[in-house]
Amino acid sequence: MTNQSHKLHEDILAISCACVLVSLGVVLFNSHGLLAGGTAGVALITSNLLPVSFGLLFFLVNLPFYYLAWKQLGKRFTLNTFISVSLISLFTENMHRVIQIQDVHPVFAAIGGGMLIGVGLLIMFRHKSSLGGLGILAFYLQNRFNLRAGTFQMIVDCSILGLSAVLFPLEIVVLSVIGAITLNILLVVNHKPDRYQIRKNPDFINIELEVYEEMNEELLSTAK
């Protein structure tokens, strides 16, 4: 099996879409003051305690982790991650100009926000990017030690949210944990090191072609 590198225009499109999804997830979280794990969680928690915006804090908290990315994961991953973090910082700061969420159920905000951020992270991981911070560490541990990124992030996220219980109401913490679990389950189930790679087995390719041909024939006969 071999990995196939994405082209530049594919990275641009995918990372842009991922940043929009993550930013919308953050907006849903913010609609009820929910928290997140990782560096995003640290930024959200700090923004609730200090008069500093999430976008600026998220950008600043991630700066030290770029050294690890540059040394261990390569220039491309570091650049893509820097672009992703910068775009999300920009989008979250200006999302209110294009969308206003007047009323949303807190449980939906937790689950829906977790899903949006989780899908955004999946796209980023597939295109050699991340949300920086602990996402960089998770990606490194998965590549180096085959430790699933979702499993690592779920443990860290729940630990951060557990500690936040001393600062925030229990309801907010519980909803935030629901959001974090939703996010990380998506990563655990869908992001595996040996998945989405090209198979060079000719028999496997022939079987796939036969299945597609049968499906096409059925569609054509149905259309007639």
C-alpha atoms as a PDB file:
ATOM      1  CA  MET A   1       0.000   0.000   0.000  1.00  0.00           C
ATOM      2  CA  THR A   2       1.186   3.514  -0.759  1.00  0.00           C
ATOM      3  CA  ASN A   3      -0.050   6.965   0.193  1.00  0.00           C
ATOM      4  CA  GLN A   4      -1.031   9.396  -2.497  1.00  0.00           C
ATOM      5  CA  SER A   5      -0.219  13.037  -1.859  1.00  0.00           C
ATOM      6  CA  HIS A   6      -2.899  15.647  -2.450  1.00  0.00           C
ATOM      7  CA  LYS A   7      -2.321  18.417  -4.948  1.00  0.00           C
ATOM      8  CA  LEU A   8      -2.104  22.071  -3.914  1.00  0.00           C
ATOM      9  CA  HIS A   9      -5.574  23.027  -5.144  1.00  0.00           C
ATOM     10  CA  GLU A  10      -7.042  20.010  -3.330  1.00  0.00           C
ATOM     11  CA  ASP A  11      -5.390  21.115  -0.070  1.00  0.00           C
ATOM     12  CA  ILE A  12      -6.657  24.679  -0.507  1.00  0.00           C
ATOM     13  CA  LEU A  13     -10.257  23.582  -1.090  1.00  0.00           C
ATOM     14  CA  ALA A  14     -10.261  20.963   1.670  1.00  0.00           C
ATOM     15  CA  ILE A  15      -8.607  23.144   4.335  1.00  0.00           C
ATOM     16  CA  SER A  16     -10.913  26.073   3.513  1.00  0.00           C
ATOM     17  CA  CYS A  17     -13.988  23.836   3.922  1.00  0.00           C
ATOM     18  CA  ALA A  18     -12.592  22.344   7.125  1.00  0.00           C
ATOM     19  CA  CYS A  19     -11.977  25.789   8.633  1.00  0.00           C
ATOM     20  CA  VAL A  20     -15.542  26.876   7.867  1.00  0.00           C
ATOM     21  CA  LEU A  21     -16.930  23.719   9.528  1.00  0.00           C
ATOM     22  CA  VAL A  22     -14.737  24.112  12.615  1.00  0.00           C
ATOM     23  CA  SER A  23     -15.619  27.807  12.902  1.00  0.00           C
ATOM     24  CA  LEU A  24     -19.351  27.012  12.739  1.00  0.00           C
ATOM     25  CA  GLY A  25     -18.820  24.392  15.446  1.00  0.00           C
ATOM     26  CA  VAL A  26     -17.105  26.982  17.633  1.00  0.00           C
ATOM     27  CA  VAL A  27     -20.015  29.377  17.035  1.00  0.00           C
ATOM     28  CA  LEU A  28     -22.458  26.700  18.241  1.00  0.00           C
ATOM     29  CA  PHE A  29     -20.305  26.076  21.312  1.00  0.00           C
ATOM     30  CA  ASN A  30     -20.085  29.800  22.026  1.00  0.00           C
ATOM     31  CA  SER A  31     -23.879  30.203  21.727  1.00  0.00           C
ATOM     32  CA  HIS A  32     -24.186  28.500  25.135  1.00  0.00           C
ATOM     33  CA  GLY A  33     -20.734  29.193  26.530  1.00  0.00           C
ATOM     34  CA  LEU A  34     -19.639  25.585  25.993  1.00  0.00           C
ATOM     35  CA  LEU A  35     -15.996  24.604  26.281  1.00  0.00           C
ATOM     36  CA  ALA A  36     -13.738  22.444  24.158  1.00  0.00           C
ATOM     37  CA  GLY A  37     -10.611  20.398  24.747  1.00  0.00           C
ATOM     38  CA  GLY A  38      -7.086  20.915  23.469  1.00  0.00           C
ATOM     39  CA  THR A  39      -5.707  24.358  22.728  1.00  0.00           C
ATOM     40  CA  ALA A  40      -9.138  25.412  21.453  1.00  0.00           C
ATOM     41  CA  GLY A  41     -10.495  24.538  24.890  1.00  0.00           C
ATOM     42  CA  VAL A  42      -7.744  26.468  26.622  1.00  0.00           C
ATOM     43  CA  ALA A  43      -8.534  29.482  24.420  1.00  0.00           C
ATOM     44  CA  LEU A  44     -12.303  29.182  25.026  1.00  0.00           C
ATOM     45  CA  ILE A  45     -11.854  28.842  28.791  1.00  0.00           C
ATOM     46  CA  THR A  46      -9.456  31.796  28.927  1.00  0.00           C
ATOM     47  CA  SER A  47     -11.739  33.938  26.750  1.00  0.00           C
ATOM     48  CA  ASN A  48     -14.523  33.314  29.293  1.00  0.00           C
ATOM     49  CA  LEU A  49     -12.280  34.479  32.122  1.00  0.00           C
ATOM     50  CA  LEU A  50     -10.453  37.383  30.466  1.00  0.00           C
ATOM     51  CA  PRO A  51     -11.586  40.199  28.132  1.00  0.00           C
ATOM     52  CA  VAL A  52      -9.638  38.691  25.213  1.00  0.00           C
ATOM     53  CA  SER A  53     -11.220  37.224  22.089  1.00  0.00           C
ATOM     54  CA  PHE A  54     -11.102  33.496  21.314  1.00  0.00           C
ATOM     55  CA  GLY A  55      -9.548  34.116  17.884  1.00  0.00           C
ATOM     56  CA  LEU A  56      -6.523  35.962  19.267  1.00  0.00           C
ATOM     57  CA  LEU A  57      -6.004  33.517  22.143  1.00  0.00           C
ATOM     58  CA  PHE A  58      -6.340  30.492  19.848  1.00  0.00           C
ATOM     59  CA  PHE A  59      -3.670  31.910  17.549  1.00  0.00           C
ATOM     60  CA  LEU A  60      -1.264  32.724  20.401  1.00  0.00           C
ATOM     61  CA  VAL A  61      -1.668  29.437  22.313  1.00  0.00           C
ATOM     62  CA  ASN A  62      -0.733  27.450  19.222  1.00  0.00           C
ATOM     63  CA  LEU A  63       2.541  29.239  18.492  1.00  0.00           C
ATOM     64  CA  PRO A  64       4.838  27.042  20.672  1.00  0.00           C
ATOM     65  CA  PHE A  65       3.580  23.824  19.057  1.00  0.00           C
ATOM     66  CA  TYR A  66       4.769  24.787  15.591  1.00  0.00           C
ATOM     67  CA  TYR A  67       8.325  23.861  16.612  1.00  0.00           C
ATOM     68  CA  LEU A  68       7.287  20.234  17.158  1.00  0.00           C
ATOM     69  CA  ALA A  69       5.417  20.223  13.867  1.00  0.00           C
ATOM     70  CA  TRP A  70       8.394  21.683  11.965  1.00  0.00           C
ATOM     71  CA  LYS A  71      10.907  19.239  13.477  1.00  0.00           C
ATOM     72  CA  GLN A  72       8.852  16.038  13.500  1.00  0.00           C
ATOM     73  CA  LEU A  73       6.065  16.355  10.919  1.00  0.00           C
ATOM     74  CA  GLY A  74       7.627  18.420   8.156  1.00  0.00           C
ATOM     75  CA  LYS A  75       7.266  21.803   6.525  1.00  0.00           C
ATOM     76  CA  ARG A  76       4.087  20.979   4.666  1.00  0.00           C
ATOM     77  CA  PHE A  77       2.210  19.898   7.788  1.00  0.00           C
ATOM     78  CA  THR A  78       3.463  22.945   9.693  1.00  0.00           C
ATOM     79  CA  LEU A  79       2.457  25.354   6.939  1.00  0.00           C
ATOM     80  CA  ASN A  80      -0.969  23.763   6.478  1.00  0.00           C
ATOM     81  CA  THR A  81      -1.580  23.849  10.233  1.00  0.00           C
ATOM     82  CA  PHE A  82      -0.489  27.485  10.498  1.00  0.00           C
ATOM     83  CA  ILE A  83      -2.869  28.394   7.672  1.00  0.00           C
ATOM     84  CA  SER A  84      -5.714  26.421   9.298  1.00  0.00           C
ATOM     85  CA  VAL A  85      -5.233  28.060  12.700  1.00  0.00           C
ATOM     86  CA  SER A  86      -4.988  31.526  11.116  1.00  0.00           C
ATOM     87  CA  LEU A  87      -8.154  30.993   9.041  1.00  0.00           C
ATOM     88  CA  ILE A  88     -10.162  29.725  12.011  1.00  0.00           C
ATOM     89  CA  SER A  89      -8.982  32.679  14.102  1.00  0.00           C
ATOM     90  CA  LEU A  90     -10.098  35.002  11.289  1.00  0.00           C
ATOM     91  CA  PHE A  91     -13.408  33.215  10.645  1.00  0.00           C
ATOM     92  CA  THR A  92     -14.489  33.024  14.300  1.00  0.00           C
ATOM     93  CA  GLU A  93     -13.707  36.708  14.765  1.00  0.00           C
ATOM     94  CA  ASN A  94     -15.937  37.678  11.818  1.00  0.00           C
ATOM     95  CA  MET A  95     -18.564  34.917  11.701  1.00  0.00           C
ATOM     96  CA  HIS A  96     -21.122  37.224  13.320  1.00  0.00           C
ATOM     97  CA  ARG A  97     -21.029  39.356  10.168  1.00  0.00           C
ATOM     98  CA  VAL A  98     -22.455  36.547   8.031  1.00  0.00           C
ATOM     99  CA  ILE A  99     -24.507  34.415  10.450  1.00  0.00           C
ATOM    100  CA  GLN A 100     -26.550  35.128  13.567  1.00  0.00           C
ATOM    101  CA  ILE A 101     -27.750  32.240  15.751  1.00  0.00           C
ATOM    102  CA  GLN A 102     -30.684  33.526  17.774  1.00  0.00           C
ATOM    103  CA  ASP A 103     -31.863  30.339  19.453  1.00  0.00           C
ATOM    104  CA  VAL A 104     -30.400  26.829  19.593  1.00  0.00           C
ATOM    105  CA  HIS A 105     -30.988  24.026  22.089  1.00  0.00           C
ATOM    106  CA  PRO A 106     -27.908  23.504  24.295  1.00  0.00           C
ATOM    107  CA  VAL A 107     -27.800  19.733  23.634  1.00  0.00           C
ATOM    108  CA  PHE A 108     -27.890  20.357  19.887  1.00  0.00           C
ATOM    109  CA  ALA A 109     -25.179  22.997  20.291  1.00  0.00           C
ATOM    110  CA  ALA A 110     -22.991  20.413  22.050  1.00  0.00           C
ATOM    111  CA  ILE A 111     -23.608  17.506  19.655  1.00  0.00           C
ATOM    112  CA  GLY A 112     -23.858  19.572  16.455  1.00  0.00           C
ATOM    113  CA  GLY A 113     -20.815  21.656  17.350  1.00  0.00           C
ATOM    114  CA  GLY A 114     -18.837  18.507  18.161  1.00  0.00           C
ATOM    115  CA  MET A 115     -19.820  16.950  14.840  1.00  0.00           C
ATOM    116  CA  LEU A 116     -18.837  20.027  12.840  1.00  0.00           C
ATOM    117  CA  ILE A 117     -15.456  20.346  14.543  1.00  0.00           C
ATOM    118  CA  GLY A 118     -14.872  16.587  14.280  1.00  0.00           C
ATOM    119  CA  VAL A 119     -15.597  16.471  10.543  1.00  0.00           C
ATOM    120  CA  GLY A 120     -13.417  19.540  10.056  1.00  0.00           C
ATOM    121  CA  LEU A 121     -10.559  17.824  11.885  1.00  0.00           C
ATOM    122  CA  LEU A 122     -10.977  14.675   9.779  1.00  0.00           C
ATOM    123  CA  ILE A 123     -10.600  16.731   6.620  1.00  0.00           C
ATOM    124  CA  MET A 124      -7.536  18.472   8.051  1.00  0.00           C
ATOM    125  CA  PHE A 125      -5.849  15.211   9.054  1.00  0.00           C
ATOM    126  CA  ARG A 126      -6.417  13.783   5.569  1.00  0.00           C
ATOM    127  CA  HIS A 127      -4.710  16.838   4.087  1.00  0.00           C
ATOM    128  CA  LYS A 128      -1.750  16.939   6.484  1.00  0.00           C
ATOM    129  CA  SER A 129      -3.074  19.676   8.716  1.00  0.00           C
ATOM    130  CA  SER A 130      -4.537  20.100  12.201  1.00  0.00           C
ATOM    131  CA  LEU A 131      -5.920  22.637  14.650  1.00  0.00           C
ATOM    132  CA  GLY A 132      -2.431  23.024  16.082  1.00  0.00           C
ATOM    133  CA  GLY A 133      -1.494  22.461  19.702  1.00  0.00           C
ATOM    134  CA  LEU A 134      -2.519  19.029  20.950  1.00  0.00           C
ATOM    135  CA  GLY A 135      -3.719  18.182  17.448  1.00  0.00           C
ATOM    136  CA  ILE A 136      -0.090  18.359  16.333  1.00  0.00           C
ATOM    137  CA  LEU A 137       0.938  16.107  19.221  1.00  0.00           C
ATOM    138  CA  ALA A 138      -1.897  13.655  18.460  1.00  0.00           C
ATOM    139  CA  PHE A 139      -0.949  13.491  14.777  1.00  0.00           C
ATOM    140  CA  TYR A 140       2.712  12.932  15.714  1.00  0.00           C
ATOM    141  CA  LEU A 141       1.889  10.132  18.199  1.00  0.00           C
ATOM    142  CA  GLN A 142      -0.306   8.407  15.622  1.00  0.00           C
ATOM    143  CA  ASN A 143       2.366   8.556  12.918  1.00  0.00           C
ATOM    144  CA  ARG A 144       5.218   7.582  15.253  1.00  0.00           C
ATOM    145  CA  PHE A 145       3.625   5.108  17.685  1.00  0.00           C
ATOM    146  CA  ASN A 146       0.374   4.149  15.897  1.00  0.00           C
ATOM    147  CA  LEU A 147      -1.653   5.632  18.782  1.00  0.00           C
ATOM    148  CA  ARG A 148      -5.025   6.728  17.424  1.00  0.00           C
ATOM    149  CA  ALA A 149      -5.367  10.512  17.390  1.00  0.00           C
ATOM    150  CA  GLY A 150      -9.012  10.340  18.497  1.00  0.00           C
ATOM    151  CA  THR A 151      -8.237   8.173  21.529  1.00  0.00           C
ATOM    152  CA  PHE A 152      -5.423  10.456  22.681  1.00  0.00           C
ATOM    153  CA  GLN A 153      -7.454  13.630  22.168  1.00  0.00           C
ATOM    154  CA  MET A 154     -10.505  12.209  23.945  1.00  0.00           C
ATOM    155  CA  ILE A 155      -8.421  11.467  27.058  1.00  0.00           C
ATOM    156  CA  VAL A 156      -6.798  14.906  27.051  1.00  0.00           C
ATOM    157  CA  ASP A 157     -10.038  16.753  26.218  1.00  0.00           C
ATOM    158  CA  CYS A 158     -12.015  15.064  28.995  1.00  0.00           C
ATOM    159  CA  SER A 159      -9.166  15.805  31.437  1.00  0.00           C
ATOM    160  CA  ILE A 160      -9.174  19.510  30.510  1.00  0.00           C
ATOM    161  CA  LEU A 161     -12.959  19.699  30.741  1.00  0.00           C
ATOM    162  CA  GLY A 162     -12.907  17.840  34.049  1.00  0.00           C
ATOM    163  CA  LEU A 163     -10.551  20.427  35.510  1.00  0.00           C
ATOM    164  CA  SER A 164     -12.795  23.219  34.208  1.00  0.00           C
ATOM    165  CA  ALA A 165     -15.560  21.973  36.547  1.00  0.00           C
ATOM    166  CA  VAL A 166     -14.053  24.099  39.327  1.00  0.00           C
ATOM    167  CA  LEU A 167     -14.493  27.252  37.239  1.00  0.00           C
ATOM    168  CA  PHE A 168     -17.789  26.743  35.401  1.00  0.00           C
ATOM    169  CA  PRO A 169     -21.321  25.515  36.194  1.00  0.00           C
ATOM    170  CA  LEU A 170     -21.815  21.744  36.127  1.00  0.00           C
ATOM    171  CA  GLU A 171     -24.368  21.983  33.289  1.00  0.00           C
ATOM    172  CA  ILE A 172     -21.852  23.738  31.045  1.00  0.00           C
ATOM    173  CA  VAL A 173     -19.165  21.165  31.832  1.00  0.00           C
ATOM    174  CA  VAL A 174     -21.491  18.196  31.180  1.00  0.00           C
ATOM    175  CA  LEU A 175     -22.631  19.630  27.831  1.00  0.00           C
ATOM    176  CA  SER A 176     -19.024  20.377  26.933  1.00  0.00           C
ATOM    177  CA  VAL A 177     -18.017  16.782  27.693  1.00  0.00           C
ATOM    178  CA  ILE A 178     -20.863  15.583  25.438  1.00  0.00           C
ATOM    179  CA  GLY A 179     -19.511  17.801  22.658  1.00  0.00           C
ATOM    180  CA  ALA A 180     -15.943  16.574  23.198  1.00  0.00           C
ATOM    181  CA  ILE A 181     -16.996  12.911  23.183  1.00  0.00           C
ATOM    182  CA  THR A 182     -19.014  13.437  19.992  1.00  0.00           C
ATOM    183  CA  LEU A 183     -16.029  15.100  18.324  1.00  0.00           C
ATOM    184  CA  ASN A 184     -13.530  12.444  19.325  1.00  0.00           C
ATOM    185  CA  ILE A 185     -15.777   9.465  18.555  1.00  0.00           C
ATOM    186  CA  LEU A 186     -15.842  10.735  14.977  1.00  0.00           C
ATOM    187  CA  LEU A 187     -12.041  10.760  14.977  1.00  0.00           C
ATOM    188  CA  VAL A 188     -11.671   7.346  16.631  1.00  0.00           C
ATOM    189  CA  VAL A 189     -14.085   5.663  14.212  1.00  0.00           C
ATOM    190  CA  ASN A 190     -13.050   7.394  11.012  1.00  0.00           C
ATOM    191  CA  HIS A 191      -9.380   8.318  11.315  1.00  0.00           C
ATOM    192  CA  LYS A 192      -7.169   5.217  11.280  1.00  0.00           C
ATOM    193  CA  PRO A 193      -3.557   5.038  10.051  1.00  0.00           C
ATOM    194  CA  ASP A 194      -4.144   2.187   7.580  1.00  0.00           C
ATOM    195  CA  ARG A 195      -7.369   3.476   6.066  1.00  0.00           C
ATOM    196  CA  TYR A 196      -7.895   5.340   2.758  1.00  0.00           C
ATOM    197  CA  GLN A 197      -4.800   3.992   1.065  1.00  0.00           C
ATOM    198  CA  ILE A 198      -4.514   2.627  -2.469  1.00  0.00           C
ATOM    199  CA  ARG A 199      -4.690  -1.127  -2.822  1.00  0.00           C
ATOM    200  CA  LYS A 200      -2.457  -2.600  -5.528  1.00  0.00           C
ATOM    201  CA  ASN A 201      -4.070  -6.069  -5.497  1.00  0.00           C
ATOM    202  CA  PRO A 202      -5.297  -6.657  -9.102  1.00  0.00           C
ATOM    203  CA  ASP A 203      -8.025  -9.063  -7.934  1.00  0.00           C
ATOM    204  CA  PHE A 204      -9.378  -6.429  -5.554  1.00  0.00           C
ATOM    205  CA  ILE A 205      -9.415  -3.832  -8.355  1.00  0.00           C
ATOM    206  CA  ASN A 206     -11.157  -6.216 -10.752  1.00  0.00           C
ATOM    207  CA  ILE A 207     -13.830  -7.041  -8.174  1.00  0.00           C
ATOM    208  CA  GLU A 208     -14.459  -3.323  -7.612  1.00  0.00           C
ATOM    209  CA  LEU A 209     -14.756  -2.706 -11.362  1.00  0.00           C
ATOM    210  CA  GLU A 210     -17.241  -5.548 -11.709  1.00  0.00           C
ATOM    211  CA  VAL A 211     -19.365  -4.151  -8.873  1.00  0.00           C
ATOM    212  CA  TYR A 212     -19.392  -0.683 -10.468  1.00  0.00           C
ATOM    213  CA  GLU A 213     -20.321  -2.151 -13.864  1.00  0.00           C
ATOM    214  CA  GLU A 214     -23.217  -4.092 -12.335  1.00  0.00           C
ATOM    215  CA  MET A 215     -24.428  -0.963 -10.542  1.00  0.00           C
ATOM    216  CA  ASN A 216     -24.275   1.038 -13.772  1.00  0.00           C
ATOM    217  CA  GLU A 217     -26.215  -1.648 -15.660  1.00  0.00           C
ATOM    218  CA  GLU A 218     -28.920  -1.669 -12.967  1.00  0.00           C
ATOM    219  CA  LEU A 219     -29.193   2.122 -13.076  1.00  0.00           C
ATOM    220  CA  LEU A 220     -29.490   2.125 -16.869  1.00  0.00           C
ATOM    221  CA  SER A 221     -32.144  -0.585 -16.872  1.00  0.00           C
ATOM    222  CA  THR A 222     -34.110   1.279 -14.182  1.00  0.00           C
ATOM    223  CA  ALA A 223     -33.917   4.489 -16.193  1.00  0.00           C
ATOM    224  CA  LYS A 224     -35.310   2.740 -19.289  1.00  0.00           C
END
